[in-house]
Amino acid sequence: MDITDTLPAECMSHIISLTTPRDACRFSVACRVFKSAADSDFVWEKFLPSDYKEIISSSVSDSSLITSFSSKKDLYLHLCHNPIIINNGTLRLVLEKESGKKCYIPVAVVHRFIPWGDIPDDWI
């Protein structure tokens, strides 16, 4: 008897939610049963910051992000690759892809010009 036959999908989703986003993606390619559990909104909501709804609704970039994605996984991946502007335009927030941790980047740092920045030797 296969464990995927006896273990309810909700239980598998709960177990996967205790891992990392990377592990959840690995589970999703292992087999069909794991894919549905690993791709569930339950799992990906656990990887999003607990205050993600408040952060997105207060962002100056786009407060409709919560409803514009068909799944929490899509929202998570979007927030990993597309920083949102928060704190009255002074900070950018992006999720660290491996862990889902919030990374804050001051907008002034993003727009800072380094005159010699295109010379590779200057980055050592």
PDB file of N, CA and C in Angstrom:
ATOM      1  N   MET A   1       0.833  -1.177   0.000  1.00  0.00           N
ATOM      2  CA  MET A   1       0.000   0.000   0.000  1.00  0.00           C
ATOM      3  C   MET A   1       0.886   1.253   0.000  1.00  0.00           C
ATOM      4  N   ASP A   2       0.524   2.193  -0.833  1.00  0.00           N
ATOM      5  CA  ASP A   2       1.264   3.439  -1.003  1.00  0.00           C
ATOM      6  C   ASP A   2       0.807   4.468   0.028  1.00  0.00           C
ATOM      7  N   ILE A   3       1.752   5.235   0.562  1.00  0.00           N
ATOM      8  CA  ILE A   3       1.412   6.246   1.569  1.00  0.00           C
ATOM      9  C   ILE A   3       0.485   7.315   1.002  1.00  0.00           C
ATOM     10  N   THR A   4       0.605   7.598  -0.296  1.00  0.00           N
ATOM     11  CA  THR A   4      -0.252   8.621  -0.896  1.00  0.00           C
ATOM     12  C   THR A   4      -1.700   8.165  -0.991  1.00  0.00           C
ATOM     13  N   ASP A   5      -1.936   6.844  -0.891  1.00  0.00           N
ATOM     14  CA  ASP A   5      -3.303   6.327  -0.899  1.00  0.00           C
ATOM     15  C   ASP A   5      -3.960   6.433   0.470  1.00  0.00           C
ATOM     16  N   THR A   6      -3.167   6.376   1.525  1.00  0.00           N
ATOM     17  CA  THR A   6      -3.730   6.352   2.874  1.00  0.00           C
ATOM     18  C   THR A   6      -3.698   7.702   3.571  1.00  0.00           C
ATOM     19  N   LEU A   7      -2.812   8.567   3.158  1.00  0.00           N
ATOM     20  CA  LEU A   7      -2.662   9.864   3.805  1.00  0.00           C
ATOM     21  C   LEU A   7      -3.550  10.899   3.116  1.00  0.00           C
ATOM     22  N   PRO A   8      -4.439  11.559   3.844  1.00  0.00           N
ATOM     23  CA  PRO A   8      -5.306  12.565   3.212  1.00  0.00           C
ATOM     24  C   PRO A   8      -4.493  13.725   2.627  1.00  0.00           C
ATOM     25  N   ALA A   9      -5.012  14.326   1.574  1.00  0.00           N
ATOM     26  CA  ALA A   9      -4.322  15.431   0.906  1.00  0.00           C
ATOM     27  C   ALA A   9      -4.074  16.595   1.864  1.00  0.00           C
ATOM     28  N   GLU A  10      -5.020  16.852   2.768  1.00  0.00           N
ATOM     29  CA  GLU A  10      -4.851  17.944   3.730  1.00  0.00           C
ATOM     30  C   GLU A  10      -3.661  17.679   4.646  1.00  0.00           C
ATOM     31  N   CYS A  11      -3.469  16.425   5.002  1.00  0.00           N
ATOM     32  CA  CYS A  11      -2.345  16.053   5.861  1.00  0.00           C
ATOM     33  C   CYS A  11      -1.023  16.241   5.112  1.00  0.00           C
ATOM     34  N   MET A  12      -0.997  15.833   3.848  1.00  0.00           N
ATOM     35  CA  MET A  12       0.214  16.022   3.041  1.00  0.00           C
ATOM     36  C   MET A  12       0.516  17.506   2.870  1.00  0.00           C
ATOM     37  N   SER A  13      -0.526  18.306   2.648  1.00  0.00           N
ATOM     38  CA  SER A  13      -0.324  19.749   2.516  1.00  0.00           C
ATOM     39  C   SER A  13       0.253  20.335   3.793  1.00  0.00           C
ATOM     40  N   HIS A  14      -0.262  19.887   4.926  1.00  0.00           N
ATOM     41  CA  HIS A  14       0.252  20.389   6.203  1.00  0.00           C
ATOM     42  C   HIS A  14       1.730  20.018   6.374  1.00  0.00           C
ATOM     43  N   ILE A  15       2.082  18.795   6.057  1.00  0.00           N
ATOM     44  CA  ILE A  15       3.476  18.345   6.175  1.00  0.00           C
ATOM     45  C   ILE A  15       4.377  19.170   5.260  1.00  0.00           C
ATOM     46  N   ILE A  16       3.948  19.371   4.019  1.00  0.00           N
ATOM     47  CA  ILE A  16       4.749  20.134   3.062  1.00  0.00           C
ATOM     48  C   ILE A  16       4.886  21.588   3.510  1.00  0.00           C
ATOM     49  N   SER A  17       3.854  22.126   4.148  1.00  0.00           N
ATOM     50  CA  SER A  17       3.918  23.526   4.602  1.00  0.00           C
ATOM     51  C   SER A  17       4.943  23.728   5.711  1.00  0.00           C
ATOM     52  N   LEU A  18       5.388  22.658   6.329  1.00  0.00           N
ATOM     53  CA  LEU A  18       6.404  22.749   7.377  1.00  0.00           C
ATOM     54  C   LEU A  18       7.821  22.717   6.811  1.00  0.00           C
ATOM     55  N   THR A  19       7.939  22.590   5.486  1.00  0.00           N
ATOM     56  CA  THR A  19       9.253  22.563   4.842  1.00  0.00           C
ATOM     57  C   THR A  19       9.580  23.971   4.334  1.00  0.00           C
ATOM     58  N   THR A  20      10.244  24.050   3.208  1.00  0.00           N
ATOM     59  CA  THR A  20      10.615  25.335   2.607  1.00  0.00           C
ATOM     60  C   THR A  20       9.939  25.478   1.245  1.00  0.00           C
ATOM     61  N   PRO A  21       9.886  26.686   0.705  1.00  0.00           N
ATOM     62  CA  PRO A  21       9.337  26.856  -0.644  1.00  0.00           C
ATOM     63  C   PRO A  21      10.066  25.996  -1.684  1.00  0.00           C
ATOM     64  N   ARG A  22      11.369  25.892  -1.548  1.00  0.00           N
ATOM     65  CA  ARG A  22      12.138  25.063  -2.486  1.00  0.00           C
ATOM     66  C   ARG A  22      11.708  23.595  -2.388  1.00  0.00           C
ATOM     67  N   ASP A  23      11.550  23.103  -1.159  1.00  0.00           N
ATOM     68  CA  ASP A  23      11.114  21.717  -0.977  1.00  0.00           C
ATOM     69  C   ASP A  23       9.711  21.496  -1.533  1.00  0.00           C
ATOM     70  N   ALA A  24       8.834  22.469  -1.355  1.00  0.00           N
ATOM     71  CA  ALA A  24       7.472  22.348  -1.885  1.00  0.00           C
ATOM     72  C   ALA A  24       7.509  22.220  -3.404  1.00  0.00           C
ATOM     73  N   CYS A  25       8.378  22.987  -4.049  1.00  0.00           N
ATOM     74  CA  CYS A  25       8.521  22.871  -5.507  1.00  0.00           C
ATOM     75  C   CYS A  25       9.066  21.502  -5.897  1.00  0.00           C
ATOM     76  N   ARG A  26       9.970  20.986  -5.098  1.00  0.00           N
ATOM     77  CA  ARG A  26      10.505  19.647  -5.374  1.00  0.00           C
ATOM     78  C   ARG A  26       9.426  18.583  -5.210  1.00  0.00           C
ATOM     79  N   PHE A  27       8.602  18.724  -4.169  1.00  0.00           N
ATOM     80  CA  PHE A  27       7.499  17.785  -3.976  1.00  0.00           C
ATOM     81  C   PHE A  27       6.537  17.821  -5.158  1.00  0.00           C
ATOM     82  N   SER A  28       6.325  19.004  -5.711  1.00  0.00           N
ATOM     83  CA  SER A  28       5.334  19.141  -6.778  1.00  0.00           C
ATOM     84  C   SER A  28       5.734  18.410  -8.055  1.00  0.00           C
ATOM     85  N   VAL A  29       7.020  18.121  -8.221  1.00  0.00           N
ATOM     86  CA  VAL A  29       7.439  17.371  -9.406  1.00  0.00           C
ATOM     87  C   VAL A  29       7.628  15.885  -9.115  1.00  0.00           C
ATOM     88  N   ALA A  30       7.469  15.488  -7.853  1.00  0.00           N
ATOM     89  CA  ALA A  30       7.690  14.086  -7.485  1.00  0.00           C
ATOM     90  C   ALA A  30       6.585  13.173  -8.010  1.00  0.00           C
ATOM     91  N   CYS A  31       5.336  13.558  -7.802  1.00  0.00           N
ATOM     92  CA  CYS A  31       4.210  12.769  -8.314  1.00  0.00           C
ATOM     93  C   CYS A  31       2.954  13.627  -8.302  1.00  0.00           C
ATOM     94  N   ARG A  32       1.903  13.159  -8.983  1.00  0.00           N
ATOM     95  CA  ARG A  32       0.672  13.935  -9.102  1.00  0.00           C
ATOM     96  C   ARG A  32       0.038  14.257  -7.757  1.00  0.00           C
ATOM     97  N   VAL A  33       0.038  13.300  -6.852  1.00  0.00           N
ATOM     98  CA  VAL A  33      -0.583  13.514  -5.541  1.00  0.00           C
ATOM     99  C   VAL A  33       0.181  14.585  -4.773  1.00  0.00           C
ATOM    100  N   PHE A  34       1.499  14.517  -4.794  1.00  0.00           N
ATOM    101  CA  PHE A  34       2.301  15.532  -4.120  1.00  0.00           C
ATOM    102  C   PHE A  34       2.126  16.895  -4.787  1.00  0.00           C
ATOM    103  N   LYS A  35       1.976  16.907  -6.121  1.00  0.00           N
ATOM    104  CA  LYS A  35       1.823  18.175  -6.833  1.00  0.00           C
ATOM    105  C   LYS A  35       0.596  18.926  -6.349  1.00  0.00           C
ATOM    106  N   SER A  36      -0.531  18.250  -6.256  1.00  0.00           N
ATOM    107  CA  SER A  36      -1.740  18.956  -5.823  1.00  0.00           C
ATOM    108  C   SER A  36      -1.614  19.440  -4.386  1.00  0.00           C
ATOM    109  N   ALA A  37      -0.953  18.658  -3.538  1.00  0.00           N
ATOM    110  CA  ALA A  37      -0.760  19.075  -2.143  1.00  0.00           C
ATOM    111  C   ALA A  37       0.246  20.218  -2.059  1.00  0.00           C
ATOM    112  N   ALA A  38       1.348  20.109  -2.793  1.00  0.00           N
ATOM    113  CA  ALA A  38       2.413  21.115  -2.725  1.00  0.00           C
ATOM    114  C   ALA A  38       2.010  22.434  -3.373  1.00  0.00           C
ATOM    115  N   ASP A  39       1.123  22.397  -4.337  1.00  0.00           N
ATOM    116  CA  ASP A  39       0.691  23.616  -5.017  1.00  0.00           C
ATOM    117  C   ASP A  39      -0.530  24.259  -4.365  1.00  0.00           C
ATOM    118  N   SER A  40      -1.009  23.682  -3.290  1.00  0.00           N
ATOM    119  CA  SER A  40      -2.234  24.193  -2.664  1.00  0.00           C
ATOM    120  C   SER A  40      -2.012  25.565  -2.033  1.00  0.00           C
ATOM    121  N   ASP A  41      -3.077  26.333  -1.981  1.00  0.00           N
ATOM    122  CA  ASP A  41      -3.008  27.654  -1.346  1.00  0.00           C
ATOM    123  C   ASP A  41      -2.665  27.542   0.129  1.00  0.00           C
ATOM    124  N   PHE A  42      -3.083  26.456   0.769  1.00  0.00           N
ATOM    125  CA  PHE A  42      -2.762  26.249   2.188  1.00  0.00           C
ATOM    126  C   PHE A  42      -1.248  26.276   2.402  1.00  0.00           C
ATOM    127  N   VAL A  43      -0.517  25.560   1.553  1.00  0.00           N
ATOM    128  CA  VAL A  43       0.946  25.484   1.674  1.00  0.00           C
ATOM    129  C   VAL A  43       1.574  26.852   1.439  1.00  0.00           C
ATOM    130  N   TRP A  44       1.214  27.503   0.355  1.00  0.00           N
ATOM    131  CA  TRP A  44       1.882  28.745  -0.026  1.00  0.00           C
ATOM    132  C   TRP A  44       1.478  29.917   0.854  1.00  0.00           C
ATOM    133  N   GLU A  45       0.312  29.851   1.466  1.00  0.00           N
ATOM    134  CA  GLU A  45      -0.063  30.898   2.432  1.00  0.00           C
ATOM    135  C   GLU A  45       0.865  30.839   3.642  1.00  0.00           C
ATOM    136  N   LYS A  46       1.333  29.634   3.991  1.00  0.00           N
ATOM    137  CA  LYS A  46       2.279  29.489   5.108  1.00  0.00           C
ATOM    138  C   LYS A  46       3.639  30.095   4.773  1.00  0.00           C
ATOM    139  N   PHE A  47       4.013  30.104   3.494  1.00  0.00           N
ATOM    140  CA  PHE A  47       5.302  30.656   3.085  1.00  0.00           C
ATOM    141  C   PHE A  47       5.266  32.176   2.950  1.00  0.00           C
ATOM    142  N   LEU A  48       4.091  32.724   2.711  1.00  0.00           N
ATOM    143  CA  LEU A  48       3.954  34.180   2.647  1.00  0.00           C
ATOM    144  C   LEU A  48       4.082  34.759   4.048  1.00  0.00           C
ATOM    145  N   PRO A  49       4.566  35.990   4.178  1.00  0.00           N
ATOM    146  CA  PRO A  49       4.624  36.606   5.512  1.00  0.00           C
ATOM    147  C   PRO A  49       3.219  36.678   6.115  1.00  0.00           C
ATOM    148  N   SER A  50       3.126  36.553   7.413  1.00  0.00           N
ATOM    149  CA  SER A  50       1.810  36.536   8.061  1.00  0.00           C
ATOM    150  C   SER A  50       1.033  37.830   7.832  1.00  0.00           C
ATOM    151  N   ASP A  51       1.730  38.920   7.575  1.00  0.00           N
ATOM    152  CA  ASP A  51       1.065  40.207   7.357  1.00  0.00           C
ATOM    153  C   ASP A  51       1.054  40.627   5.882  1.00  0.00           C
ATOM    154  N   TYR A  52       1.122  39.654   4.977  1.00  0.00           N
ATOM    155  CA  TYR A  52       1.232  39.996   3.558  1.00  0.00           C
ATOM    156  C   TYR A  52       0.034  40.794   3.049  1.00  0.00           C
ATOM    157  N   LYS A  53      -1.154  40.524   3.561  1.00  0.00           N
ATOM    158  CA  LYS A  53      -2.338  41.261   3.092  1.00  0.00           C
ATOM    159  C   LYS A  53      -2.245  42.735   3.467  1.00  0.00           C
ATOM    160  N   GLU A  54      -1.816  43.013   4.686  1.00  0.00           N
ATOM    161  CA  GLU A  54      -1.679  44.398   5.120  1.00  0.00           C
ATOM    162  C   GLU A  54      -0.576  45.110   4.340  1.00  0.00           C
ATOM    163  N   ILE A  55       0.532  44.409   4.122  1.00  0.00           N
ATOM    164  CA  ILE A  55       1.649  45.002   3.381  1.00  0.00           C
ATOM    165  C   ILE A  55       1.214  45.366   1.966  1.00  0.00           C
ATOM    166  N   ILE A  56       0.563  44.441   1.292  1.00  0.00           N
ATOM    167  CA  ILE A  56       0.154  44.686  -0.089  1.00  0.00           C
ATOM    168  C   ILE A  56      -0.907  45.777  -0.159  1.00  0.00           C
ATOM    169  N   SER A  57      -1.865  45.750   0.765  1.00  0.00           N
ATOM    170  CA  SER A  57      -2.923  46.763   0.711  1.00  0.00           C
ATOM    171  C   SER A  57      -2.401  48.164   1.016  1.00  0.00           C
ATOM    172  N   SER A  58      -1.301  48.258   1.750  1.00  0.00           N
ATOM    173  CA  SER A  58      -0.732  49.576   2.048  1.00  0.00           C
ATOM    174  C   SER A  58       0.352  49.986   1.058  1.00  0.00           C
ATOM    175  N   SER A  59       0.637  49.141   0.085  1.00  0.00           N
ATOM    176  CA  SER A  59       1.700  49.467  -0.870  1.00  0.00           C
ATOM    177  C   SER A  59       1.243  50.565  -1.822  1.00  0.00           C
ATOM    178  N   VAL A  60       2.202  51.344  -2.273  1.00  0.00           N
ATOM    179  CA  VAL A  60       1.886  52.389  -3.239  1.00  0.00           C
ATOM    180  C   VAL A  60       1.978  51.859  -4.666  1.00  0.00           C
ATOM    181  N   SER A  61       2.529  50.655  -4.822  1.00  0.00           N
ATOM    182  CA  SER A  61       2.673  50.115  -6.166  1.00  0.00           C
ATOM    183  C   SER A  61       1.369  49.523  -6.687  1.00  0.00           C
ATOM    184  N   ASP A  62       0.823  48.530  -6.008  1.00  0.00           N
ATOM    185  CA  ASP A  62      -0.408  47.911  -6.506  1.00  0.00           C
ATOM    186  C   ASP A  62      -1.092  47.145  -5.390  1.00  0.00           C
ATOM    187  N   SER A  63      -2.159  47.695  -4.868  1.00  0.00           N
ATOM    188  CA  SER A  63      -2.855  47.045  -3.761  1.00  0.00           C
ATOM    189  C   SER A  63      -3.812  45.961  -4.233  1.00  0.00           C
ATOM    190  N   SER A  64      -3.970  45.760  -5.540  1.00  0.00           N
ATOM    191  CA  SER A  64      -4.861  44.715  -6.048  1.00  0.00           C
ATOM    192  C   SER A  64      -4.122  43.401  -6.297  1.00  0.00           C
ATOM    193  N   LEU A  65      -2.873  43.300  -5.850  1.00  0.00           N
ATOM    194  CA  LEU A  65      -2.089  42.080  -6.078  1.00  0.00           C
ATOM    195  C   LEU A  65      -2.737  40.842  -5.476  1.00  0.00           C
ATOM    196  N   ILE A  66      -3.366  40.991  -4.319  1.00  0.00           N
ATOM    197  CA  ILE A  66      -3.934  39.833  -3.626  1.00  0.00           C
ATOM    198  C   ILE A  66      -4.954  39.125  -4.505  1.00  0.00           C
ATOM    199  N   THR A  67      -5.771  39.874  -5.202  1.00  0.00           N
ATOM    200  CA  THR A  67      -6.832  39.266  -6.012  1.00  0.00           C
ATOM    201  C   THR A  67      -6.424  39.030  -7.457  1.00  0.00           C
ATOM    202  N   SER A  68      -5.277  39.528  -7.876  1.00  0.00           N
ATOM    203  CA  SER A  68      -4.912  39.408  -9.286  1.00  0.00           C
ATOM    204  C   SER A  68      -4.216  38.093  -9.639  1.00  0.00           C
ATOM    205  N   PHE A  69      -3.925  37.264  -8.648  1.00  0.00           N
ATOM    206  CA  PHE A  69      -3.271  35.984  -8.919  1.00  0.00           C
ATOM    207  C   PHE A  69      -4.218  34.837  -8.616  1.00  0.00           C
ATOM    208  N   SER A  70      -4.132  33.794  -9.421  1.00  0.00           N
ATOM    209  CA  SER A  70      -5.046  32.664  -9.255  1.00  0.00           C
ATOM    210  C   SER A  70      -4.653  31.748  -8.100  1.00  0.00           C
ATOM    211  N   SER A  71      -3.420  31.864  -7.631  1.00  0.00           N
ATOM    212  CA  SER A  71      -2.992  31.008  -6.519  1.00  0.00           C
ATOM    213  C   SER A  71      -2.019  31.759  -5.621  1.00  0.00           C
ATOM    214  N   LYS A  72      -1.885  31.285  -4.402  1.00  0.00           N
ATOM    215  CA  LYS A  72      -0.929  31.873  -3.454  1.00  0.00           C
ATOM    216  C   LYS A  72       0.500  31.611  -3.922  1.00  0.00           C
ATOM    217  N   LYS A  73       0.712  30.500  -4.611  1.00  0.00           N
ATOM    218  CA  LYS A  73       2.044  30.206  -5.141  1.00  0.00           C
ATOM    219  C   LYS A  73       2.440  31.265  -6.171  1.00  0.00           C
ATOM    220  N   ASP A  74       1.524  31.617  -7.057  1.00  0.00           N
ATOM    221  CA  ASP A  74       1.808  32.652  -8.053  1.00  0.00           C
ATOM    222  C   ASP A  74       2.094  33.993  -7.384  1.00  0.00           C
ATOM    223  N   LEU A  75       1.331  34.318  -6.349  1.00  0.00           N
ATOM    224  CA  LEU A  75       1.561  35.559  -5.606  1.00  0.00           C
ATOM    225  C   LEU A  75       2.934  35.536  -4.947  1.00  0.00           C
ATOM    226  N   TYR A  76       3.286  34.405  -4.324  1.00  0.00           N
ATOM    227  CA  TYR A  76       4.591  34.262  -3.670  1.00  0.00           C
ATOM    228  C   TYR A  76       5.719  34.490  -4.679  1.00  0.00           C
ATOM    229  N   LEU A  77       5.644  33.809  -5.806  1.00  0.00           N
ATOM    230  CA  LEU A  77       6.699  33.933  -6.816  1.00  0.00           C
ATOM    231  C   LEU A  77       6.762  35.351  -7.380  1.00  0.00           C
ATOM    232  N   HIS A  78       5.610  35.980  -7.535  1.00  0.00           N
ATOM    233  CA  HIS A  78       5.596  37.368  -8.010  1.00  0.00           C
ATOM    234  C   HIS A  78       6.317  38.279  -7.017  1.00  0.00           C
ATOM    235  N   LEU A  79       6.031  38.105  -5.729  1.00  0.00           N
ATOM    236  CA  LEU A  79       6.661  38.948  -4.711  1.00  0.00           C
ATOM    237  C   LEU A  79       8.157  38.664  -4.566  1.00  0.00           C
ATOM    238  N   CYS A  80       8.600  37.494  -5.002  1.00  0.00           N
ATOM    239  CA  CYS A  80      10.036  37.184  -4.986  1.00  0.00           C
ATOM    240  C   CYS A  80      10.772  37.892  -6.123  1.00  0.00           C
ATOM    241  N   HIS A  81      10.089  38.096  -7.226  1.00  0.00           N
ATOM    242  CA  HIS A  81      10.742  38.654  -8.415  1.00  0.00           C
ATOM    243  C   HIS A  81      10.387  40.111  -8.693  1.00  0.00           C
ATOM    244  N   ASN A  82       9.350  40.626  -8.024  1.00  0.00           N
ATOM    245  CA  ASN A  82       8.874  41.981  -8.291  1.00  0.00           C
ATOM    246  C   ASN A  82       8.667  42.731  -6.985  1.00  0.00           C
ATOM    247  N   PRO A  83       9.638  43.532  -6.588  1.00  0.00           N
ATOM    248  CA  PRO A  83       9.485  44.280  -5.335  1.00  0.00           C
ATOM    249  C   PRO A  83       8.278  45.212  -5.386  1.00  0.00           C
ATOM    250  N   ILE A  84       7.645  45.403  -4.239  1.00  0.00           N
ATOM    251  CA  ILE A  84       6.558  46.370  -4.148  1.00  0.00           C
ATOM    252  C   ILE A  84       7.048  47.560  -3.328  1.00  0.00           C
ATOM    253  N   ILE A  85       6.514  48.715  -3.627  1.00  0.00           N
ATOM    254  CA  ILE A  85       6.928  49.936  -2.939  1.00  0.00           C
ATOM    255  C   ILE A  85       5.998  50.160  -1.755  1.00  0.00           C
ATOM    256  N   ILE A  86       6.600  50.352  -0.583  1.00  0.00           N
ATOM    257  CA  ILE A  86       5.834  50.532   0.650  1.00  0.00           C
ATOM    258  C   ILE A  86       6.361  51.748   1.415  1.00  0.00           C
ATOM    259  N   ASN A  87       5.748  52.007   2.555  1.00  0.00           N
ATOM    260  CA  ASN A  87       6.206  53.058   3.475  1.00  0.00           C
ATOM    261  C   ASN A  87       6.276  54.425   2.780  1.00  0.00           C
ATOM    262  N   ASN A  88       5.160  54.780   2.122  1.00  0.00           N
ATOM    263  CA  ASN A  88       5.062  56.072   1.420  1.00  0.00           C
ATOM    264  C   ASN A  88       6.144  56.257   0.364  1.00  0.00           C
ATOM    265  N   GLY A  89       6.533  55.173  -0.274  1.00  0.00           N
ATOM    266  CA  GLY A  89       7.493  55.248  -1.367  1.00  0.00           C
ATOM    267  C   GLY A  89       8.949  55.265  -0.965  1.00  0.00           C
ATOM    268  N   THR A  90       9.247  55.014   0.305  1.00  0.00           N
ATOM    269  CA  THR A  90      10.645  55.069   0.748  1.00  0.00           C
ATOM    270  C   THR A  90      11.324  53.701   0.782  1.00  0.00           C
ATOM    271  N   LEU A  91      10.538  52.627   0.744  1.00  0.00           N
ATOM    272  CA  LEU A  91      11.105  51.276   0.810  1.00  0.00           C
ATOM    273  C   LEU A  91      10.533  50.400  -0.289  1.00  0.00           C
ATOM    274  N   ARG A  92      11.345  49.452  -0.716  1.00  0.00           N
ATOM    275  CA  ARG A  92      10.886  48.381  -1.598  1.00  0.00           C
ATOM    276  C   ARG A  92      10.935  47.098  -0.789  1.00  0.00           C
ATOM    277  N   LEU A  93       9.920  46.274  -0.956  1.00  0.00           N
ATOM    278  CA  LEU A  93       9.874  44.993  -0.260  1.00  0.00           C
ATOM    279  C   LEU A  93       9.863  43.882  -1.292  1.00  0.00           C
ATOM    280  N   VAL A  94      10.731  42.916  -1.088  1.00  0.00           N
ATOM    281  CA  VAL A  94      10.770  41.728  -1.934  1.00  0.00           C
ATOM    282  C   VAL A  94      10.926  40.537  -1.004  1.00  0.00           C
ATOM    283  N   LEU A  95      10.365  39.400  -1.404  1.00  0.00           N
ATOM    284  CA  LEU A  95      10.526  38.192  -0.595  1.00  0.00           C
ATOM    285  C   LEU A  95      11.771  37.449  -1.032  1.00  0.00           C
ATOM    286  N   GLU A  96      12.495  36.935  -0.067  1.00  0.00           N
ATOM    287  CA  GLU A  96      13.654  36.097  -0.354  1.00  0.00           C
ATOM    288  C   GLU A  96      13.111  34.751  -0.816  1.00  0.00           C
ATOM    289  N   LYS A  97      13.498  34.334  -1.986  1.00  0.00           N
ATOM    290  CA  LYS A  97      12.893  33.172  -2.640  1.00  0.00           C
ATOM    291  C   LYS A  97      13.051  31.874  -1.855  1.00  0.00           C
ATOM    292  N   GLU A  98      14.177  31.668  -1.232  1.00  0.00           N
ATOM    293  CA  GLU A  98      14.448  30.418  -0.524  1.00  0.00           C
ATOM    294  C   GLU A  98      13.608  30.253   0.736  1.00  0.00           C
ATOM    295  N   SER A  99      13.376  31.359   1.445  1.00  0.00           N
ATOM    296  CA  SER A  99      12.742  31.255   2.761  1.00  0.00           C
ATOM    297  C   SER A  99      11.434  32.019   2.897  1.00  0.00           C
ATOM    298  N   GLY A 100      11.183  32.967   2.018  1.00  0.00           N
ATOM    299  CA  GLY A 100      10.001  33.807   2.142  1.00  0.00           C
ATOM    300  C   GLY A 100      10.188  34.971   3.094  1.00  0.00           C
ATOM    301  N   LYS A 101      11.409  35.158   3.576  1.00  0.00           N
ATOM    302  CA  LYS A 101      11.669  36.275   4.488  1.00  0.00           C
ATOM    303  C   LYS A 101      11.557  37.598   3.735  1.00  0.00           C
ATOM    304  N   LYS A 102      11.111  38.607   4.464  1.00  0.00           N
ATOM    305  CA  LYS A 102      10.950  39.933   3.882  1.00  0.00           C
ATOM    306  C   LYS A 102      12.304  40.633   3.808  1.00  0.00           C
ATOM    307  N   CYS A 103      12.593  41.201   2.649  1.00  0.00           N
ATOM    308  CA  CYS A 103      13.811  41.983   2.450  1.00  0.00           C
ATOM    309  C   CYS A 103      13.392  43.407   2.110  1.00  0.00           C
ATOM    310  N   TYR A 104      13.838  44.350   2.924  1.00  0.00           N
ATOM    311  CA  TYR A 104      13.513  45.756   2.712  1.00  0.00           C
ATOM    312  C   TYR A 104      14.709  46.451   2.075  1.00  0.00           C
ATOM    313  N   ILE A 105      14.447  47.190   1.011  1.00  0.00           N
ATOM    314  CA  ILE A 105      15.499  47.908   0.303  1.00  0.00           C
ATOM    315  C   ILE A 105      15.100  49.381   0.250  1.00  0.00           C
ATOM    316  N   PRO A 106      15.903  50.267   0.830  1.00  0.00           N
ATOM    317  CA  PRO A 106      15.578  51.699   0.724  1.00  0.00           C
ATOM    318  C   PRO A 106      15.570  52.130  -0.740  1.00  0.00           C
ATOM    319  N   VAL A 107      14.561  52.880  -1.139  1.00  0.00           N
ATOM    320  CA  VAL A 107      14.450  53.318  -2.526  1.00  0.00           C
ATOM    321  C   VAL A 107      15.658  54.154  -2.923  1.00  0.00           C
ATOM    322  N   ALA A 108      16.211  54.939  -2.008  1.00  0.00           N
ATOM    323  CA  ALA A 108      17.387  55.761  -2.314  1.00  0.00           C
ATOM    324  C   ALA A 108      18.565  54.900  -2.753  1.00  0.00           C
ATOM    325  N   VAL A 109      18.704  53.713  -2.195  1.00  0.00           N
ATOM    326  CA  VAL A 109      19.797  52.812  -2.575  1.00  0.00           C
ATOM    327  C   VAL A 109      19.577  52.283  -3.983  1.00  0.00           C
ATOM    328  N   VAL A 110      18.345  52.010  -4.342  1.00  0.00           N
ATOM    329  CA  VAL A 110      18.037  51.482  -5.668  1.00  0.00           C
ATOM    330  C   VAL A 110      18.409  52.493  -6.744  1.00  0.00           C
ATOM    331  N   HIS A 111      18.199  53.771  -6.464  1.00  0.00           N
ATOM    332  CA  HIS A 111      18.427  54.806  -7.469  1.00  0.00           C
ATOM    333  C   HIS A 111      19.792  55.480  -7.365  1.00  0.00           C
ATOM    334  N   ARG A 112      20.619  55.005  -6.482  1.00  0.00           N
ATOM    335  CA  ARG A 112      21.930  55.620  -6.302  1.00  0.00           C
ATOM    336  C   ARG A 112      22.804  55.326  -7.524  1.00  0.00           C
ATOM    337  N   PHE A 113      23.499  56.325  -7.979  1.00  0.00           N
ATOM    338  CA  PHE A 113      24.372  56.194  -9.143  1.00  0.00           C
ATOM    339  C   PHE A 113      25.811  56.048  -8.671  1.00  0.00           C
ATOM    340  N   ILE A 114      26.490  55.028  -9.158  1.00  0.00           N
ATOM    341  CA  ILE A 114      27.902  54.830  -8.851  1.00  0.00           C
ATOM    342  C   ILE A 114      28.662  55.095 -10.148  1.00  0.00           C
ATOM    343  N   PRO A 115      29.395  56.210 -10.215  1.00  0.00           N
ATOM    344  CA  PRO A 115      30.006  56.614 -11.479  1.00  0.00           C
ATOM    345  C   PRO A 115      30.945  55.576 -12.074  1.00  0.00           C
ATOM    346  N   TRP A 116      31.632  54.833 -11.264  1.00  0.00           N
ATOM    347  CA  TRP A 116      32.577  53.846 -11.779  1.00  0.00           C
ATOM    348  C   TRP A 116      32.009  52.429 -11.693  1.00  0.00           C
ATOM    349  N   GLY A 117      30.720  52.317 -11.504  1.00  0.00           N
ATOM    350  CA  GLY A 117      30.080  51.022 -11.287  1.00  0.00           C
ATOM    351  C   GLY A 117      30.134  50.066 -12.458  1.00  0.00           C
ATOM    352  N   ASP A 118      30.396  50.571 -13.656  1.00  0.00           N
ATOM    353  CA  ASP A 118      30.444  49.679 -14.813  1.00  0.00           C
ATOM    354  C   ASP A 118      31.831  49.094 -15.051  1.00  0.00           C
ATOM    355  N   ILE A 119      32.779  49.418 -14.186  1.00  0.00           N
ATOM    356  CA  ILE A 119      34.137  48.884 -14.303  1.00  0.00           C
ATOM    357  C   ILE A 119      34.270  47.723 -13.315  1.00  0.00           C
ATOM    358  N   PRO A 120      34.379  46.482 -13.815  1.00  0.00           N
ATOM    359  CA  PRO A 120      34.393  45.308 -12.929  1.00  0.00           C
ATOM    360  C   PRO A 120      35.468  45.349 -11.849  1.00  0.00           C
ATOM    361  N   ASP A 121      36.637  45.941 -12.144  1.00  0.00           N
ATOM    362  CA  ASP A 121      37.713  45.982 -11.151  1.00  0.00           C
ATOM    363  C   ASP A 121      37.340  46.816  -9.926  1.00  0.00           C
ATOM    364  N   ASP A 122      36.430  47.745 -10.081  1.00  0.00           N
ATOM    365  CA  ASP A 122      36.030  48.603  -8.963  1.00  0.00           C
ATOM    366  C   ASP A 122      35.108  47.889  -7.977  1.00  0.00           C
ATOM    367  N   TRP A 123      34.612  46.717  -8.314  1.00  0.00           N
ATOM    368  CA  TRP A 123      33.687  45.993  -7.442  1.00  0.00           C
ATOM    369  C   TRP A 123      34.405  45.024  -6.519  1.00  0.00           C
ATOM    370  N   ILE A 124      35.710  44.982  -6.585  1.00  0.00           N
ATOM    371  CA  ILE A 124      36.484  44.054  -5.753  1.00  0.00           C
ATOM    372  C   ILE A 124      36.683  44.614  -4.381  1.00  0.00           C
TER     373      ILE A 124
END
